Amino acid sequence: AGLATMMLDRLLDWARTEGLTVARLETGDKSEGALKLYRRAGFEEIAAFPPYQPDPLSIFMERGLR
């Protein structure tokens, strides 16, 4: 596991301790490394969520935190 994976794991752990039950993110459609990281971490693509609007250059993702 690289530094990015460790940072993401730490962030998700913090979100759980704050009582959050879901994590959502937006990333660019050309961010291959980020997309690979997020998919490996269990994120799945979803529709745009507020305050974002659908954008062909953005990918929106989410995963549960239980």
Protein backbone atom coordinates (compact mmCIF):
# COMPACT_ATOMS: atom_id res chain seq x y z
CA ALA A 1 0.00 0.00 0.00
CA GLY A 2 1.35 3.36 -1.01
CA LEU A 3 1.08 6.74 0.59
CA ALA A 4 -2.17 7.62 -1.22
CA THR A 5 -3.83 4.44 0.07
CA MET A 6 -2.66 5.12 3.60
CA MET A 7 -3.96 8.70 3.44
CA LEU A 8 -7.34 7.61 2.08
CA ASP A 9 -7.65 4.89 4.76
CA ARG A 10 -6.86 7.45 7.46
CA LEU A 11 -9.43 9.88 6.08
CA LEU A 12 -12.13 7.19 5.95
CA ASP A 13 -11.29 6.11 9.51
CA TRP A 14 -11.65 9.74 10.65
CA ALA A 15 -15.00 10.03 8.84
CA ARG A 16 -16.25 6.92 10.69
CA THR A 17 -15.21 8.33 14.06
CA GLU A 18 -17.18 11.48 13.18
CA GLY A 19 -20.27 9.31 12.72
CA LEU A 20 -20.50 9.58 8.95
CA THR A 21 -22.03 6.60 7.18
CA VAL A 22 -21.10 7.40 3.58
CA ALA A 23 -18.18 9.02 1.77
CA ARG A 24 -18.67 10.77 -1.57
CA LEU A 25 -16.17 12.34 -3.93
CA GLU A 26 -15.74 13.98 -7.31
CA THR A 27 -12.69 13.46 -9.48
CA GLY A 28 -11.69 14.11 -13.06
CA ASP A 29 -12.45 11.57 -15.74
CA LYS A 30 -8.77 11.50 -16.77
CA SER A 31 -7.45 10.88 -13.24
CA GLU A 32 -6.55 7.25 -13.89
CA GLY A 33 -4.46 6.80 -10.75
CA ALA A 34 -7.11 8.35 -8.51
CA LEU A 35 -9.88 6.29 -10.09
CA LYS A 36 -7.89 3.09 -9.55
CA LEU A 37 -7.25 4.05 -5.90
CA TYR A 38 -10.91 4.86 -5.22
CA ARG A 39 -12.22 1.71 -6.92
CA ARG A 40 -9.76 -0.45 -4.97
CA ALA A 41 -11.05 1.23 -1.79
CA GLY A 42 -14.63 0.22 -2.61
CA PHE A 43 -15.95 3.41 -4.18
CA GLU A 44 -18.54 3.02 -6.93
CA GLU A 45 -19.67 5.52 -9.54
CA ILE A 46 -22.89 7.42 -8.84
CA ALA A 47 -24.82 10.33 -10.33
CA ALA A 48 -23.72 13.88 -9.53
CA PHE A 49 -24.67 15.00 -6.02
CA PRO A 50 -25.35 18.54 -4.74
CA PRO A 51 -23.87 21.05 -5.12
CA TYR A 52 -22.40 19.49 -8.29
CA GLN A 53 -24.13 19.28 -11.65
CA PRO A 54 -23.56 16.43 -14.12
CA ASP A 55 -20.33 17.07 -15.97
CA PRO A 56 -18.79 14.88 -18.69
CA LEU A 57 -15.33 15.65 -17.29
CA SER A 58 -16.19 14.56 -13.72
CA ILE A 59 -16.79 11.21 -12.12
CA PHE A 60 -18.77 11.05 -8.88
CA MET A 61 -18.27 8.16 -6.46
CA GLU A 62 -19.43 6.90 -3.10
CA ARG A 63 -18.93 4.10 -0.60
CA GLY A 64 -20.44 3.16 2.71
CA LEU A 65 -18.44 3.57 5.91
CA ARG A 66 -19.78 0.77 8.04
